Amino acid sequence: MPHDIQPFINGLVETISIHGMEDIRETACHTLIAYPTTVTTNAVIAMYRSSTEYFAHEVGMHRAERPLNYQFVRCGTANCPSEGRPGNIIGELQDLEAARIRCKACKWKSRFVKLNAQPFIKPLHKTKAPLLFYREFPSPPGLHAMFLQDNHYSIE
């Protein structure tokens, strides 16, 4: 297994063996907090169910170049030459609490948006793992739009 996944798998097995597994979501989140490098490059998709519902969450890490661990492909400028080209839209983090995206082709910048103020983004643990978050999977439609329109969560 890749070096960044193996510690998480070992930790998850150890946690389940020692403490049992009443709530798989809580167990997996606790283990991810202990091994955050698991989601440095790629997100983890967790699917589980309660007695009545099925759930799917993506657990990821905010990184400067990819806030919300999402590859943005559209900027706020109409007819921009970067449209649809991965890598032309990059992110910026501000104090681990807000992010914006900017376009390398036309120099457009979005406003900073508070990440944890969005209803579909939840921090894994505010103090132990401030860069880790989870959200529903697949990504909600408002994910990209929150940077492209003025909204009441903007802080700049």
Protein backbone atom coordinates (compact mmCIF):
# COMPACT_ATOMS: atom_id res chain seq x y z
CA MET A 1 0.00 0.00 0.00
CA PRO A 2 1.19 3.56 -0.58
CA HIS A 3 3.10 5.04 2.34
CA ASP A 4 0.40 7.62 3.10
CA ILE A 5 -2.48 5.11 3.24
CA GLN A 6 -0.88 2.25 5.18
CA PRO A 7 -0.72 4.06 8.58
CA PHE A 8 -4.42 4.96 8.32
CA ILE A 9 -5.44 1.37 7.52
CA ASN A 10 -3.29 0.03 10.38
CA GLY A 11 -4.69 2.67 12.75
CA LEU A 12 -8.26 1.93 11.71
CA VAL A 13 -7.81 -1.81 12.28
CA GLU A 14 -6.13 -1.14 15.64
CA THR A 15 -8.90 1.23 16.76
CA ILE A 16 -11.62 -1.22 15.77
CA SER A 17 -9.78 -4.13 17.46
CA ILE A 18 -9.25 -2.29 20.73
CA HIS A 19 -12.34 -0.08 21.03
CA GLY A 20 -14.87 -1.80 18.82
CA MET A 21 -16.88 -0.04 16.19
CA GLU A 22 -20.16 1.44 17.31
CA ASP A 23 -20.06 4.30 14.82
CA ILE A 24 -17.91 3.73 11.71
CA ARG A 25 -18.00 7.41 10.78
CA GLU A 26 -16.71 8.48 14.19
CA THR A 27 -14.08 5.72 14.17
CA ALA A 28 -12.83 6.64 10.69
CA CYS A 29 -12.76 10.37 11.51
CA HIS A 30 -10.87 9.75 14.75
CA THR A 31 -8.32 7.69 12.82
CA LEU A 32 -7.98 10.31 10.06
CA ILE A 33 -7.25 12.97 12.67
CA ALA A 34 -4.41 10.75 13.95
CA TYR A 35 -3.11 10.13 10.39
CA PRO A 36 -3.91 13.32 8.40
CA THR A 37 -1.37 12.57 5.65
CA THR A 38 -3.88 10.02 4.38
CA VAL A 39 -5.82 12.83 2.72
CA THR A 40 -2.93 15.12 1.76
CA THR A 41 -3.12 14.15 -1.90
CA ASN A 42 -6.52 12.52 -2.36
CA ALA A 43 -9.75 12.57 -0.44
CA VAL A 44 -11.23 9.53 1.25
CA ILE A 45 -14.81 8.64 0.36
CA ALA A 46 -16.63 7.07 3.29
CA MET A 47 -19.90 5.26 2.65
CA TYR A 48 -21.92 3.90 5.52
CA ARG A 49 -25.45 3.51 6.72
CA SER A 50 -27.53 3.88 9.80
CA SER A 51 -30.46 1.63 10.48
CA THR A 52 -32.60 3.73 8.14
CA GLU A 53 -30.32 5.71 5.77
CA TYR A 54 -27.23 5.49 3.58
CA PHE A 55 -24.60 8.21 3.71
CA ALA A 56 -21.58 9.12 1.59
CA HIS A 57 -19.02 11.71 2.69
CA GLU A 58 -15.79 12.93 1.24
CA VAL A 59 -13.06 13.60 3.79
CA GLY A 60 -10.32 15.86 2.50
CA MET A 61 -7.74 18.45 3.37
CA HIS A 62 -7.74 22.13 2.46
CA ARG A 63 -4.52 22.89 0.65
CA ALA A 64 -3.43 26.28 -0.58
CA GLU A 65 -3.65 25.28 -4.23
CA ARG A 66 -6.84 23.23 -3.81
CA PRO A 67 -9.27 24.55 -1.21
CA LEU A 68 -11.90 21.95 -0.41
CA ASN A 69 -9.61 19.45 -2.17
CA TYR A 70 -11.48 20.37 -5.36
CA GLN A 71 -10.08 21.03 -8.82
CA PHE A 72 -11.75 24.23 -9.96
CA VAL A 73 -11.94 24.67 -13.75
CA ARG A 74 -13.92 27.88 -14.16
CA CYS A 75 -13.15 31.47 -13.25
CA GLY A 76 -15.44 34.47 -12.94
CA THR A 77 -14.50 36.06 -16.26
CA ALA A 78 -16.75 35.34 -19.26
CA ASN A 79 -14.95 33.75 -22.23
CA CYS A 80 -11.70 33.30 -20.28
CA PRO A 81 -9.13 31.20 -22.17
CA SER A 82 -8.64 29.02 -19.08
CA GLU A 83 -12.23 27.71 -19.18
CA GLY A 84 -12.25 23.99 -18.52
CA ARG A 85 -8.47 23.63 -18.25
CA PRO A 86 -7.43 22.03 -14.96
CA GLY A 87 -4.51 23.77 -13.30
CA ASN A 88 -5.31 27.30 -14.47
CA ILE A 89 -7.57 27.98 -11.50
CA ILE A 90 -5.66 27.85 -8.24
CA GLY A 91 -6.60 28.56 -4.66
CA GLU A 92 -5.34 30.63 -1.78
CA LEU A 93 -5.98 30.02 1.91
CA GLN A 94 -6.29 32.79 4.48
CA ASP A 95 -5.66 31.89 8.13
CA LEU A 96 -6.98 28.33 7.61
CA GLU A 97 -10.53 29.73 7.67
CA ALA A 98 -11.15 31.27 4.28
CA ALA A 99 -10.17 30.65 0.69
CA ARG A 100 -10.45 32.19 -2.71
CA ILE A 101 -9.67 31.04 -6.22
CA ARG A 102 -7.80 32.91 -8.91
CA CYS A 103 -7.18 32.44 -12.60
CA LYS A 104 -3.64 32.31 -13.93
CA ALA A 105 -4.78 33.16 -17.46
CA CYS A 106 -6.82 36.34 -16.94
CA LYS A 107 -5.73 37.27 -13.36
CA TRP A 108 -9.33 37.23 -12.03
CA LYS A 109 -9.67 36.64 -8.26
CA SER A 110 -12.74 35.67 -6.28
CA ARG A 111 -13.53 37.12 -2.89
CA PHE A 112 -12.40 35.21 0.18
CA VAL A 113 -15.11 32.85 1.39
CA LYS A 114 -15.32 31.43 4.92
CA LEU A 115 -14.97 27.69 4.43
CA ASN A 116 -16.59 26.36 7.57
CA ALA A 117 -19.48 28.80 7.31
CA GLN A 118 -20.79 26.89 4.30
CA PRO A 119 -23.63 24.56 5.29
CA PHE A 120 -22.19 21.60 3.35
CA ILE A 121 -18.62 21.78 4.72
CA LYS A 122 -17.91 20.48 8.22
CA PRO A 123 -14.52 20.53 9.96
CA LEU A 124 -13.35 17.14 11.21
CA HIS A 125 -11.97 18.74 14.38
CA LYS A 126 -11.41 22.50 14.75
CA THR A 127 -8.30 22.30 16.93
CA LYS A 128 -6.72 18.88 16.31
CA ALA A 129 -7.11 18.93 12.53
CA PRO A 130 -8.10 22.41 11.29
CA LEU A 131 -7.37 21.62 7.64
CA LEU A 132 -9.42 18.41 7.54
CA PHE A 133 -13.08 18.58 6.58
CA TYR A 134 -15.90 16.43 5.34
CA ARG A 135 -18.77 17.11 3.00
CA GLU A 136 -21.42 15.11 1.26
CA PHE A 137 -20.37 13.02 -1.73
CA PRO A 138 -20.67 13.65 -4.59
CA SER A 139 -19.81 17.33 -4.26
CA PRO A 140 -22.87 19.56 -3.95
CA PRO A 141 -23.63 21.88 -6.88
CA GLY A 142 -22.98 25.02 -4.80
CA LEU A 143 -19.34 24.15 -4.22
CA HIS A 144 -17.98 25.95 -7.27
CA ALA A 145 -20.65 28.65 -7.28
CA MET A 146 -19.76 29.93 -3.82
CA PHE A 147 -16.60 31.49 -5.29
CA LEU A 148 -18.29 32.86 -8.42
CA GLN A 149 -21.04 34.92 -6.86
CA ASP A 150 -21.32 37.45 -4.10
CA ASN A 151 -22.74 35.85 -1.01
CA HIS A 152 -23.09 36.69 2.66
CA TYR A 153 -20.22 34.37 3.63
CA SER A 154 -17.59 36.47 1.85
CA ILE A 155 -15.16 38.16 4.22
CA GLU A 156 -13.14 40.50 2.02
